[in-house]
Amino acid sequence: MSIALFALGGTISVSGRATGERLTGAEITAAVPGLDELGVPLDVRDVHAVPSGSLTFTQVLDVVEAASRAVAEGAAGVVVTQGTDTLEETAFLADLVWPHDAPFVLTGAMRQPGMAGADGPANVLAAARVAASPAARGLGALVAFNDEVHAARWVRKSHSTSTAAFVSPNAGPVGRVIEGGVRVLAPPPRRAVLPAGIGRARLDAARVALHCVAFDDDPGRLEGLATTHRGLVVAGFGAGHVPASFAPVLGALADRIPVVLTSRTGSGPVLRHTYSAPGSETDLQQRGLINGGLLDPYKARVLLRLLLAAGAEHDDITAAFAGHG
């Protein structure tokens, strides 16, 4: 029995050498004190050594597929090291399609290996402990960072440089790594797994736009969007509001493509029936927009694109957001 570790790129792999070379997975794990005391060997594999901002849906799903094979071959759990810029999105994508009880744990670093106080080794050790822990089984994709364990559905990067950047505003961490042990305090509920075996062509065709509404915004920026994208996520003000001038434009788009309403605030839900003025959540839902619930705009975009690529119809999409949001 082993832990399969897939090393991507990101800050955790920055070598500091002038050549721009990146550390391999073996080099990353060699710098982690205590891994040899875990009691479970690591099967380290290098894949997609790029900054996380350059990762694609297809690449992440390829990693999930390789991780599934590793579990089928006997791995007790999976660790993925990658850059932190898109970690909250890749974690949620993995969570949506991960069908196994074996933990799928993502981690990274906020400080490069050569910096004082580099956090990569501690995060890798914590992630490996979570991946090997029976307490983490059946919880889907998790993020281990700063000795906290976060559910993929809730986690987000909240700071550009802090080693405590990853938080879960709506729920808090689901567990912690304490004195080498893993304590799961609030296990997240699992939801229906979506299909993972989606071809690149279908993913490329399922483009989803994201528009963050701003003060005195111009709805003309959405003109022609239904001809270039198959879906739209709107990050609205507060509990799901937009300027009144946006309401008819979004309603017309919702007649042609799925339009999901989320909040740009970073935490809290989109309401359903509290406000009724033009551009309110009630008005927008009456115009056909789908309520994104507690999902932030970035995760809503991940879910919508995966659903569209899988061929989901409008009613299926609405039901999926009701379940996941």
C-alpha atoms as a PDB file:
ATOM      1  CA  MET A   1       0.000   0.000   0.000  1.00  0.00           C
ATOM      2  CA  SER A   2       1.312   3.458  -0.892  1.00  0.00           C
ATOM      3  CA  ILE A   3       0.406   7.110  -1.358  1.00  0.00           C
ATOM      4  CA  ALA A   4       0.505   8.293  -4.971  1.00  0.00           C
ATOM      5  CA  LEU A   5       1.984  11.793  -5.185  1.00  0.00           C
ATOM      6  CA  PHE A   6       1.569  13.769  -8.404  1.00  0.00           C
ATOM      7  CA  ALA A   7       3.890  16.768  -8.658  1.00  0.00           C
ATOM      8  CA  LEU A   8       2.799  19.624 -10.880  1.00  0.00           C
ATOM      9  CA  GLY A   9       4.459  23.040 -10.917  1.00  0.00           C
ATOM     10  CA  GLY A  10       3.957  26.160  -8.848  1.00  0.00           C
ATOM     11  CA  THR A  11       5.816  27.913  -6.049  1.00  0.00           C
ATOM     12  CA  ILE A  12       6.484  24.643  -4.241  1.00  0.00           C
ATOM     13  CA  SER A  13       8.646  23.550  -7.193  1.00  0.00           C
ATOM     14  CA  VAL A  14      10.592  26.775  -7.841  1.00  0.00           C
ATOM     15  CA  SER A  15      14.241  25.767  -7.619  1.00  0.00           C
ATOM     16  CA  GLY A  16      15.724  29.211  -7.235  1.00  0.00           C
ATOM     17  CA  ARG A  17      18.344  28.351  -9.830  1.00  0.00           C
ATOM     18  CA  ALA A  18      18.977  30.931 -12.528  1.00  0.00           C
ATOM     19  CA  THR A  19      18.150  28.355 -15.202  1.00  0.00           C
ATOM     20  CA  GLY A  20      14.484  28.444 -14.285  1.00  0.00           C
ATOM     21  CA  GLU A  21      14.431  24.683 -13.725  1.00  0.00           C
ATOM     22  CA  ARG A  22      11.758  23.287 -11.466  1.00  0.00           C
ATOM     23  CA  LEU A  23      12.183  20.787  -8.682  1.00  0.00           C
ATOM     24  CA  THR A  24      10.980  17.288  -9.410  1.00  0.00           C
ATOM     25  CA  GLY A  25       8.567  15.507  -7.144  1.00  0.00           C
ATOM     26  CA  ALA A  26      11.454  13.456  -5.772  1.00  0.00           C
ATOM     27  CA  GLU A  27      13.376  16.642  -4.934  1.00  0.00           C
ATOM     28  CA  ILE A  28      10.323  18.191  -3.282  1.00  0.00           C
ATOM     29  CA  THR A  29       9.684  15.151  -1.098  1.00  0.00           C
ATOM     30  CA  ALA A  30      13.372  14.720  -0.261  1.00  0.00           C
ATOM     31  CA  ALA A  31      13.209  18.071   1.556  1.00  0.00           C
ATOM     32  CA  VAL A  32      10.320  16.961   3.793  1.00  0.00           C
ATOM     33  CA  PRO A  33      11.447  15.801   7.233  1.00  0.00           C
ATOM     34  CA  GLY A  34       9.285  13.076   8.744  1.00  0.00           C
ATOM     35  CA  LEU A  35       7.964  11.548   5.515  1.00  0.00           C
ATOM     36  CA  ASP A  36       9.958   8.390   6.146  1.00  0.00           C
ATOM     37  CA  GLU A  37       8.172   8.010   9.487  1.00  0.00           C
ATOM     38  CA  LEU A  38       4.736   8.029   7.858  1.00  0.00           C
ATOM     39  CA  GLY A  39       4.714   4.253   7.568  1.00  0.00           C
ATOM     40  CA  VAL A  40       3.400   4.372   4.000  1.00  0.00           C
ATOM     41  CA  PRO A  41       5.740   4.707   0.995  1.00  0.00           C
ATOM     42  CA  LEU A  42       5.234   7.461  -1.568  1.00  0.00           C
ATOM     43  CA  ASP A  43       4.961   6.699  -5.272  1.00  0.00           C
ATOM     44  CA  VAL A  44       6.082  10.039  -6.742  1.00  0.00           C
ATOM     45  CA  ARG A  45       5.201  11.011 -10.311  1.00  0.00           C
ATOM     46  CA  ASP A  46       5.944  14.225 -12.235  1.00  0.00           C
ATOM     47  CA  VAL A  47       3.182  15.665 -14.434  1.00  0.00           C
ATOM     48  CA  HIS A  48       2.377  19.034 -16.030  1.00  0.00           C
ATOM     49  CA  ALA A  49       5.206  21.072 -14.473  1.00  0.00           C
ATOM     50  CA  VAL A  50       3.631  24.458 -15.184  1.00  0.00           C
ATOM     51  CA  PRO A  51       2.351  27.344 -13.055  1.00  0.00           C
ATOM     52  CA  SER A  52      -1.200  26.645 -11.942  1.00  0.00           C
ATOM     53  CA  GLY A  53      -2.480  29.616 -13.931  1.00  0.00           C
ATOM     54  CA  SER A  54      -1.556  27.697 -17.090  1.00  0.00           C
ATOM     55  CA  LEU A  55      -3.321  24.464 -16.148  1.00  0.00           C
ATOM     56  CA  THR A  56      -6.340  23.378 -18.179  1.00  0.00           C
ATOM     57  CA  PHE A  57      -9.480  21.385 -17.415  1.00  0.00           C
ATOM     58  CA  THR A  58      -8.119  18.563 -19.545  1.00  0.00           C
ATOM     59  CA  GLN A  59      -4.816  18.421 -17.676  1.00  0.00           C
ATOM     60  CA  VAL A  60      -6.511  18.337 -14.287  1.00  0.00           C
ATOM     61  CA  LEU A  61      -8.905  15.610 -15.409  1.00  0.00           C
ATOM     62  CA  ASP A  62      -5.903  13.674 -16.735  1.00  0.00           C
ATOM     63  CA  VAL A  63      -4.355  13.832 -13.263  1.00  0.00           C
ATOM     64  CA  VAL A  64      -7.625  12.638 -11.728  1.00  0.00           C
ATOM     65  CA  GLU A  65      -7.694   9.737 -14.189  1.00  0.00           C
ATOM     66  CA  ALA A  66      -4.099   8.798 -13.347  1.00  0.00           C
ATOM     67  CA  ALA A  67      -4.924   9.050  -9.641  1.00  0.00           C
ATOM     68  CA  SER A  68      -7.916   6.743 -10.156  1.00  0.00           C
ATOM     69  CA  ARG A  69      -5.627   4.174 -11.762  1.00  0.00           C
ATOM     70  CA  ALA A  70      -3.232   4.462  -8.827  1.00  0.00           C
ATOM     71  CA  VAL A  71      -6.060   3.798  -6.372  1.00  0.00           C
ATOM     72  CA  ALA A  72      -7.250   0.848  -8.456  1.00  0.00           C
ATOM     73  CA  GLU A  73      -3.701  -0.519  -8.228  1.00  0.00           C
ATOM     74  CA  GLY A  74      -3.724  -0.274  -4.450  1.00  0.00           C
ATOM     75  CA  ALA A  75      -2.835   3.285  -3.424  1.00  0.00           C
ATOM     76  CA  ALA A  76      -4.422   4.252  -0.121  1.00  0.00           C
ATOM     77  CA  GLY A  77      -4.666   7.909  -1.086  1.00  0.00           C
ATOM     78  CA  VAL A  78      -3.460  10.624  -3.429  1.00  0.00           C
ATOM     79  CA  VAL A  79      -1.489  13.848  -2.951  1.00  0.00           C
ATOM     80  CA  VAL A  80      -1.223  16.517  -5.653  1.00  0.00           C
ATOM     81  CA  THR A  81       1.268  19.376  -5.343  1.00  0.00           C
ATOM     82  CA  GLN A  82       0.624  22.392  -7.539  1.00  0.00           C
ATOM     83  CA  GLY A  83       0.653  26.177  -7.671  1.00  0.00           C
ATOM     84  CA  THR A  84      -1.773  27.968  -5.401  1.00  0.00           C
ATOM     85  CA  ASP A  85      -3.201  30.503  -7.865  1.00  0.00           C
ATOM     86  CA  THR A  86      -5.919  28.152  -9.129  1.00  0.00           C
ATOM     87  CA  LEU A  87      -5.830  25.547  -6.352  1.00  0.00           C
ATOM     88  CA  GLU A  88      -9.361  26.317  -5.181  1.00  0.00           C
ATOM     89  CA  GLU A  89     -10.707  25.688  -8.689  1.00  0.00           C
ATOM     90  CA  THR A  90      -8.706  22.559  -9.505  1.00  0.00           C
ATOM     91  CA  ALA A  91      -9.623  21.099  -6.112  1.00  0.00           C
ATOM     92  CA  PHE A  92     -13.321  21.627  -6.796  1.00  0.00           C
ATOM     93  CA  LEU A  93     -13.019  20.161 -10.295  1.00  0.00           C
ATOM     94  CA  ALA A  94     -11.355  17.073  -8.837  1.00  0.00           C
ATOM     95  CA  ASP A  95     -13.995  16.823  -6.121  1.00  0.00           C
ATOM     96  CA  LEU A  96     -16.822  16.871  -8.668  1.00  0.00           C
ATOM     97  CA  VAL A  97     -15.477  13.794 -10.464  1.00  0.00           C
ATOM     98  CA  TRP A  98     -13.554  11.848  -7.800  1.00  0.00           C
ATOM     99  CA  PRO A  99     -15.446   8.559  -7.306  1.00  0.00           C
ATOM    100  CA  HIS A 100     -13.277   6.861  -4.666  1.00  0.00           C
ATOM    101  CA  ASP A 101     -13.262   6.714  -0.886  1.00  0.00           C
ATOM    102  CA  ALA A 102      -9.480   7.154  -0.982  1.00  0.00           C
ATOM    103  CA  PRO A 103      -8.558  10.750  -0.054  1.00  0.00           C
ATOM    104  CA  PHE A 104      -7.538  13.085  -2.887  1.00  0.00           C
ATOM    105  CA  VAL A 105      -5.470  15.805  -1.201  1.00  0.00           C
ATOM    106  CA  LEU A 106      -4.093  18.923  -2.849  1.00  0.00           C
ATOM    107  CA  THR A 107      -1.410  21.186  -1.431  1.00  0.00           C
ATOM    108  CA  GLY A 108       1.273  23.667  -2.422  1.00  0.00           C
ATOM    109  CA  ALA A 109       3.325  26.489  -0.978  1.00  0.00           C
ATOM    110  CA  MET A 110       3.183  30.238  -0.588  1.00  0.00           C
ATOM    111  CA  ARG A 111       6.955  30.592  -0.178  1.00  0.00           C
ATOM    112  CA  GLN A 112       9.602  29.225  -2.513  1.00  0.00           C
ATOM    113  CA  PRO A 113      11.865  26.437  -1.183  1.00  0.00           C
ATOM    114  CA  GLY A 114      14.847  28.777  -0.911  1.00  0.00           C
ATOM    115  CA  MET A 115      13.021  31.399   1.152  1.00  0.00           C
ATOM    116  CA  ALA A 116      13.190  31.710   4.922  1.00  0.00           C
ATOM    117  CA  GLY A 117      10.218  29.910   6.446  1.00  0.00           C
ATOM    118  CA  ALA A 118       9.364  27.946   3.308  1.00  0.00           C
ATOM    119  CA  ASP A 119       6.039  26.238   3.964  1.00  0.00           C
ATOM    120  CA  GLY A 120       6.139  23.578   1.250  1.00  0.00           C
ATOM    121  CA  PRO A 121       7.681  20.755   3.309  1.00  0.00           C
ATOM    122  CA  ALA A 122       5.188  21.144   6.156  1.00  0.00           C
ATOM    123  CA  ASN A 123       2.279  21.245   3.723  1.00  0.00           C
ATOM    124  CA  VAL A 124       3.449  18.127   1.867  1.00  0.00           C
ATOM    125  CA  LEU A 125       3.854  16.253   5.146  1.00  0.00           C
ATOM    126  CA  ALA A 126       0.375  17.310   6.267  1.00  0.00           C
ATOM    127  CA  ALA A 127      -1.137  16.325   2.915  1.00  0.00           C
ATOM    128  CA  ALA A 128       0.534  12.907   3.042  1.00  0.00           C
ATOM    129  CA  ARG A 129      -0.777  12.359   6.553  1.00  0.00           C
ATOM    130  CA  VAL A 130      -4.288  13.255   5.436  1.00  0.00           C
ATOM    131  CA  ALA A 131      -4.040  10.997   2.365  1.00  0.00           C
ATOM    132  CA  ALA A 132      -2.978   8.090   4.581  1.00  0.00           C
ATOM    133  CA  SER A 133      -5.591   8.706   7.270  1.00  0.00           C
ATOM    134  CA  PRO A 134      -8.681   6.480   7.560  1.00  0.00           C
ATOM    135  CA  ALA A 135     -10.474   9.545   8.975  1.00  0.00           C
ATOM    136  CA  ALA A 136     -10.218  11.293   5.592  1.00  0.00           C
ATOM    137  CA  ARG A 137     -11.725   8.476   3.564  1.00  0.00           C
ATOM    138  CA  GLY A 138     -14.981   9.200   1.778  1.00  0.00           C
ATOM    139  CA  LEU A 139     -14.587  12.989   1.998  1.00  0.00           C
ATOM    140  CA  GLY A 140     -13.732  13.629  -1.652  1.00  0.00           C
ATOM    141  CA  ALA A 141     -11.077  16.158  -2.597  1.00  0.00           C
ATOM    142  CA  LEU A 142      -9.434  18.044   0.252  1.00  0.00           C
ATOM    143  CA  VAL A 143      -6.887  20.826   0.569  1.00  0.00           C
ATOM    144  CA  ALA A 144      -4.196  20.497   3.264  1.00  0.00           C
ATOM    145  CA  PHE A 145      -2.508  23.785   4.060  1.00  0.00           C
ATOM    146  CA  ASN A 146      -1.006  25.308   7.206  1.00  0.00           C
ATOM    147  CA  ASP A 147      -2.005  22.150   9.149  1.00  0.00           C
ATOM    148  CA  GLU A 148      -5.657  22.751   8.278  1.00  0.00           C
ATOM    149  CA  VAL A 149      -7.842  20.493   6.152  1.00  0.00           C
ATOM    150  CA  HIS A 150     -10.399  22.175   3.913  1.00  0.00           C
ATOM    151  CA  ALA A 151     -13.204  20.747   1.798  1.00  0.00           C
ATOM    152  CA  ALA A 152     -12.726  21.506  -1.899  1.00  0.00           C
ATOM    153  CA  ARG A 153     -16.254  22.885  -2.117  1.00  0.00           C
ATOM    154  CA  TRP A 154     -15.578  25.643   0.417  1.00  0.00           C
ATOM    155  CA  VAL A 155     -11.884  26.473   0.248  1.00  0.00           C
ATOM    156  CA  ARG A 156     -10.528  29.616  -1.357  1.00  0.00           C
ATOM    157  CA  LYS A 157      -7.263  31.542  -1.521  1.00  0.00           C
ATOM    158  CA  SER A 158      -7.817  34.702   0.529  1.00  0.00           C
ATOM    159  CA  HIS A 159      -4.375  36.338   0.510  1.00  0.00           C
ATOM    160  CA  SER A 160      -1.692  36.829  -2.121  1.00  0.00           C
ATOM    161  CA  THR A 161       1.320  36.014   0.088  1.00  0.00           C
ATOM    162  CA  SER A 162       0.330  34.745   3.551  1.00  0.00           C
ATOM    163  CA  THR A 163       1.152  31.150   4.473  1.00  0.00           C
ATOM    164  CA  ALA A 164      -2.363  31.055   5.959  1.00  0.00           C
ATOM    165  CA  ALA A 165      -3.896  32.063   2.631  1.00  0.00           C
ATOM    166  CA  PHE A 166      -6.371  29.181   2.362  1.00  0.00           C
ATOM    167  CA  VAL A 167      -9.621  29.549   4.250  1.00  0.00           C
ATOM    168  CA  SER A 168     -13.212  28.323   4.041  1.00  0.00           C
ATOM    169  CA  PRO A 169     -15.343  31.404   4.807  1.00  0.00           C
ATOM    170  CA  ASN A 170     -18.694  29.633   4.816  1.00  0.00           C
ATOM    171  CA  ALA A 171     -17.715  26.570   6.815  1.00  0.00           C
ATOM    172  CA  GLY A 172     -14.224  26.779   8.293  1.00  0.00           C
ATOM    173  CA  PRO A 173     -11.718  23.933   8.017  1.00  0.00           C
ATOM    174  CA  VAL A 174     -13.204  20.445   8.183  1.00  0.00           C
ATOM    175  CA  GLY A 175     -10.225  19.140  10.103  1.00  0.00           C
ATOM    176  CA  ARG A 176      -6.708  19.716  11.377  1.00  0.00           C
ATOM    177  CA  VAL A 177      -3.377  17.951  11.549  1.00  0.00           C
ATOM    178  CA  ILE A 178      -2.417  17.816  15.230  1.00  0.00           C
ATOM    179  CA  GLU A 179       0.811  16.251  16.509  1.00  0.00           C
ATOM    180  CA  GLY A 180       1.028  14.127  13.407  1.00  0.00           C
ATOM    181  CA  GLY A 181      -2.557  12.895  13.628  1.00  0.00           C
ATOM    182  CA  VAL A 182      -5.518  13.872  11.473  1.00  0.00           C
ATOM    183  CA  ARG A 183      -8.655  15.078  13.239  1.00  0.00           C
ATOM    184  CA  VAL A 184     -11.738  15.468  11.066  1.00  0.00           C
ATOM    185  CA  LEU A 185     -14.111  17.689  12.999  1.00  0.00           C
ATOM    186  CA  ALA A 186     -16.826  18.469  10.451  1.00  0.00           C
ATOM    187  CA  PRO A 187     -16.894  15.966   7.577  1.00  0.00           C
ATOM    188  CA  PRO A 188     -18.369  17.502   4.406  1.00  0.00           C
ATOM    189  CA  PRO A 189     -21.330  15.728   2.804  1.00  0.00           C
ATOM    190  CA  ARG A 190     -20.602  13.981  -0.484  1.00  0.00           C
ATOM    191  CA  ARG A 191     -22.701  14.712  -3.539  1.00  0.00           C
ATOM    192  CA  ALA A 192     -23.302  12.856  -6.774  1.00  0.00           C
ATOM    193  CA  VAL A 193     -20.142  12.427  -8.837  1.00  0.00           C
ATOM    194  CA  LEU A 194     -20.162  13.876 -12.342  1.00  0.00           C
ATOM    195  CA  PRO A 195     -18.638  12.124 -15.362  1.00  0.00           C
ATOM    196  CA  ALA A 196     -14.852  12.577 -15.692  1.00  0.00           C
ATOM    197  CA  GLY A 197     -14.222  10.977 -19.065  1.00  0.00           C
ATOM    198  CA  ILE A 198     -15.012  14.035 -21.160  1.00  0.00           C
ATOM    199  CA  GLY A 199     -12.976  14.608 -24.293  1.00  0.00           C
ATOM    200  CA  ARG A 200     -10.918  17.735 -24.856  1.00  0.00           C
ATOM    201  CA  ALA A 201     -13.077  18.778 -27.807  1.00  0.00           C
ATOM    202  CA  ARG A 202     -16.238  18.792 -25.690  1.00  0.00           C
ATOM    203  CA  LEU A 203     -14.494  20.720 -22.929  1.00  0.00           C
ATOM    204  CA  ASP A 204     -13.117  23.256 -25.392  1.00  0.00           C
ATOM    205  CA  ALA A 205     -16.603  23.716 -26.841  1.00  0.00           C
ATOM    206  CA  ALA A 206     -18.168  24.253 -23.414  1.00  0.00           C
ATOM    207  CA  ARG A 207     -16.721  27.702 -22.817  1.00  0.00           C
ATOM    208  CA  VAL A 208     -18.243  29.592 -19.883  1.00  0.00           C
ATOM    209  CA  ALA A 209     -17.834  33.333 -19.402  1.00  0.00           C
ATOM    210  CA  LEU A 210     -17.537  35.011 -16.019  1.00  0.00           C
ATOM    211  CA  HIS A 211     -18.657  38.598 -15.540  1.00  0.00           C
ATOM    212  CA  CYS A 212     -18.097  40.407 -12.253  1.00  0.00           C
ATOM    213  CA  VAL A 213     -20.577  43.253 -11.986  1.00  0.00           C
ATOM    214  CA  ALA A 214     -19.042  46.566 -10.919  1.00  0.00           C
ATOM    215  CA  PHE A 215     -20.279  49.974  -9.851  1.00  0.00           C
ATOM    216  CA  ASP A 216     -21.831  51.868 -12.792  1.00  0.00           C
ATOM    217  CA  ASP A 217     -21.131  48.902 -15.061  1.00  0.00           C
ATOM    218  CA  ASP A 218     -22.005  48.716 -18.760  1.00  0.00           C
ATOM    219  CA  PRO A 219     -24.334  45.875 -19.843  1.00  0.00           C
ATOM    220  CA  GLY A 220     -23.112  46.378 -23.401  1.00  0.00           C
ATOM    221  CA  ARG A 221     -20.048  44.378 -22.425  1.00  0.00           C
ATOM    222  CA  LEU A 222     -22.253  41.259 -22.596  1.00  0.00           C
ATOM    223  CA  GLU A 223     -23.341  41.904 -26.169  1.00  0.00           C
ATOM    224  CA  GLY A 224     -22.856  38.902 -28.439  1.00  0.00           C
ATOM    225  CA  LEU A 225     -21.793  36.625 -25.591  1.00  0.00           C
ATOM    226  CA  ALA A 226     -24.345  33.920 -26.435  1.00  0.00           C
ATOM    227  CA  THR A 227     -22.659  33.421 -29.811  1.00  0.00           C
ATOM    228  CA  THR A 228     -19.202  32.892 -28.335  1.00  0.00           C
ATOM    229  CA  HIS A 229     -19.947  31.021 -25.085  1.00  0.00           C
ATOM    230  CA  ARG A 230     -22.282  28.256 -23.984  1.00  0.00           C
ATOM    231  CA  GLY A 231     -22.823  29.592 -20.490  1.00  0.00           C
ATOM    232  CA  LEU A 232     -22.329  32.599 -18.238  1.00  0.00           C
ATOM    233  CA  VAL A 233     -21.652  33.056 -14.538  1.00  0.00           C
ATOM    234  CA  VAL A 234     -22.537  36.471 -13.129  1.00  0.00           C
ATOM    235  CA  ALA A 235     -20.807  37.636  -9.936  1.00  0.00           C
ATOM    236  CA  GLY A 236     -23.382  40.040  -8.607  1.00  0.00           C
ATOM    237  CA  PHE A 237     -23.389  42.531  -5.785  1.00  0.00           C
ATOM    238  CA  GLY A 238     -24.186  41.393  -2.262  1.00  0.00           C
ATOM    239  CA  ALA A 239     -26.788  38.649  -2.110  1.00  0.00           C
ATOM    240  CA  GLY A 240     -27.143  38.427  -5.904  1.00  0.00           C
ATOM    241  CA  HIS A 241     -27.986  41.818  -7.347  1.00  0.00           C
ATOM    242  CA  VAL A 242     -27.054  43.689 -10.519  1.00  0.00           C
ATOM    243  CA  PRO A 243     -27.803  47.198 -11.849  1.00  0.00           C
ATOM    244  CA  ALA A 244     -31.354  47.451 -13.195  1.00  0.00           C
ATOM    245  CA  SER A 245     -29.958  48.036 -16.690  1.00  0.00           C
ATOM    246  CA  PHE A 246     -28.421  44.546 -16.631  1.00  0.00           C
ATOM    247  CA  ALA A 247     -31.669  42.731 -15.859  1.00  0.00           C
ATOM    248  CA  PRO A 248     -33.219  42.626 -19.364  1.00  0.00           C
ATOM    249  CA  VAL A 249     -29.850  41.852 -20.949  1.00  0.00           C
ATOM    250  CA  LEU A 250     -29.248  38.926 -18.613  1.00  0.00           C
ATOM    251  CA  GLY A 251     -32.820  37.733 -19.099  1.00  0.00           C
ATOM    252  CA  ALA A 252     -32.345  37.702 -22.869  1.00  0.00           C
ATOM    253  CA  LEU A 253     -29.102  35.745 -22.451  1.00  0.00           C
ATOM    254  CA  ALA A 254     -30.827  33.262 -20.128  1.00  0.00           C
ATOM    255  CA  ASP A 255     -33.287  32.506 -22.939  1.00  0.00           C
ATOM    256  CA  ARG A 256     -30.344  31.254 -25.020  1.00  0.00           C
ATOM    257  CA  ILE A 257     -27.704  29.904 -22.614  1.00  0.00           C
ATOM    258  CA  PRO A 258     -27.569  28.946 -18.910  1.00  0.00           C
ATOM    259  CA  VAL A 259     -26.803  32.007 -16.775  1.00  0.00           C
ATOM    260  CA  VAL A 260     -25.821  31.354 -13.158  1.00  0.00           C
ATOM    261  CA  LEU A 261     -26.142  34.069 -10.515  1.00  0.00           C
ATOM    262  CA  THR A 262     -23.481  34.180  -7.770  1.00  0.00           C
ATOM    263  CA  SER A 263     -22.160  36.734  -5.289  1.00  0.00           C
ATOM    264  CA  ARG A 264     -18.875  38.564  -5.691  1.00  0.00           C
ATOM    265  CA  THR A 265     -18.502  38.994  -1.913  1.00  0.00           C
ATOM    266  CA  GLY A 266     -16.536  35.810  -1.243  1.00  0.00           C
ATOM    267  CA  SER A 267     -18.912  34.301   1.307  1.00  0.00           C
ATOM    268  CA  GLY A 268     -22.594  33.985   1.994  1.00  0.00           C
ATOM    269  CA  PRO A 269     -25.452  32.855  -0.252  1.00  0.00           C
ATOM    270  CA  VAL A 270     -27.338  34.266  -3.169  1.00  0.00           C
ATOM    271  CA  LEU A 271     -30.795  34.906  -1.767  1.00  0.00           C
ATOM    272  CA  ARG A 272     -33.961  33.640  -3.460  1.00  0.00           C
ATOM    273  CA  HIS A 273     -36.898  35.836  -2.513  1.00  0.00           C
ATOM    274  CA  THR A 274     -35.903  38.674  -0.172  1.00  0.00           C
ATOM    275  CA  TYR A 275     -35.585  41.572  -2.647  1.00  0.00           C
ATOM    276  CA  SER A 276     -37.821  42.230  -5.646  1.00  0.00           C
ATOM    277  CA  ALA A 277     -36.615  45.433  -7.357  1.00  0.00           C
ATOM    278  CA  PRO A 278     -35.364  45.232 -10.972  1.00  0.00           C
ATOM    279  CA  GLY A 279     -31.961  43.568 -10.856  1.00  0.00           C
ATOM    280  CA  SER A 280     -32.654  41.809  -7.553  1.00  0.00           C
ATOM    281  CA  GLU A 281     -32.298  38.073  -7.028  1.00  0.00           C
ATOM    282  CA  THR A 282     -36.074  37.565  -7.275  1.00  0.00           C
ATOM    283  CA  ASP A 283     -36.295  39.530 -10.503  1.00  0.00           C
ATOM    284  CA  LEU A 284     -33.318  37.771 -12.072  1.00  0.00           C
ATOM    285  CA  GLN A 285     -34.612  34.309 -11.224  1.00  0.00           C
ATOM    286  CA  GLN A 286     -37.961  35.222 -12.770  1.00  0.00           C
ATOM    287  CA  ARG A 287     -36.007  36.121 -15.910  1.00  0.00           C
ATOM    288  CA  GLY A 288     -34.488  32.632 -15.991  1.00  0.00           C
ATOM    289  CA  LEU A 289     -31.192  32.973 -14.135  1.00  0.00           C
ATOM    290  CA  ILE A 290     -30.059  29.957 -12.101  1.00  0.00           C
ATOM    291  CA  ASN A 291     -29.341  30.523  -8.413  1.00  0.00           C
ATOM    292  CA  GLY A 292     -25.733  29.612  -7.553  1.00  0.00           C
ATOM    293  CA  GLY A 293     -26.420  29.299  -3.832  1.00  0.00           C
ATOM    294  CA  LEU A 294     -23.262  29.327  -1.719  1.00  0.00           C
ATOM    295  CA  LEU A 295     -20.860  28.611  -4.580  1.00  0.00           C
ATOM    296  CA  ASP A 296     -18.475  31.433  -5.345  1.00  0.00           C
ATOM    297  CA  PRO A 297     -18.223  32.597  -8.992  1.00  0.00           C
ATOM    298  CA  TYR A 298     -15.048  30.614  -9.722  1.00  0.00           C
ATOM    299  CA  LYS A 299     -16.415  27.311  -8.515  1.00  0.00           C
ATOM    300  CA  ALA A 300     -19.760  27.981 -10.216  1.00  0.00           C
ATOM    301  CA  ARG A 301     -17.885  28.399 -13.491  1.00  0.00           C
ATOM    302  CA  VAL A 302     -16.109  25.059 -12.973  1.00  0.00           C
ATOM    303  CA  LEU A 303     -19.382  23.257 -12.280  1.00  0.00           C
ATOM    304  CA  LEU A 304     -21.236  24.859 -15.184  1.00  0.00           C
ATOM    305  CA  ARG A 305     -18.504  24.090 -17.700  1.00  0.00           C
ATOM    306  CA  LEU A 306     -18.272  20.459 -16.596  1.00  0.00           C
ATOM    307  CA  LEU A 307     -22.057  20.087 -16.807  1.00  0.00           C
ATOM    308  CA  LEU A 308     -22.205  21.616 -20.288  1.00  0.00           C
ATOM    309  CA  ALA A 309     -19.363  19.426 -21.522  1.00  0.00           C
ATOM    310  CA  ALA A 310     -21.248  16.388 -20.212  1.00  0.00           C
ATOM    311  CA  GLY A 311     -24.331  17.409 -22.210  1.00  0.00           C
ATOM    312  CA  ALA A 312     -26.528  18.477 -19.283  1.00  0.00           C
ATOM    313  CA  GLU A 313     -29.788  20.230 -20.122  1.00  0.00           C
ATOM    314  CA  HIS A 314     -31.147  23.324 -18.347  1.00  0.00           C
ATOM    315  CA  ASP A 315     -33.205  21.401 -15.790  1.00  0.00           C
ATOM    316  CA  ASP A 316     -30.229  19.169 -14.967  1.00  0.00           C
ATOM    317  CA  ILE A 317     -28.024  22.233 -14.514  1.00  0.00           C
ATOM    318  CA  THR A 318     -30.560  23.868 -12.219  1.00  0.00           C
ATOM    319  CA  ALA A 319     -30.794  20.690 -10.134  1.00  0.00           C
ATOM    320  CA  ALA A 320     -26.988  20.383  -9.955  1.00  0.00           C
ATOM    321  CA  PHE A 321     -26.629  23.919  -8.629  1.00  0.00           C
ATOM    322  CA  ALA A 322     -29.404  23.312  -6.127  1.00  0.00           C
ATOM    323  CA  GLY A 323     -27.410  20.325  -4.846  1.00  0.00           C
ATOM    324  CA  HIS A 324     -23.889  21.743  -4.949  1.00  0.00           C
ATOM    325  CA  GLY A 325     -24.710  25.346  -4.131  1.00  0.00           C
END
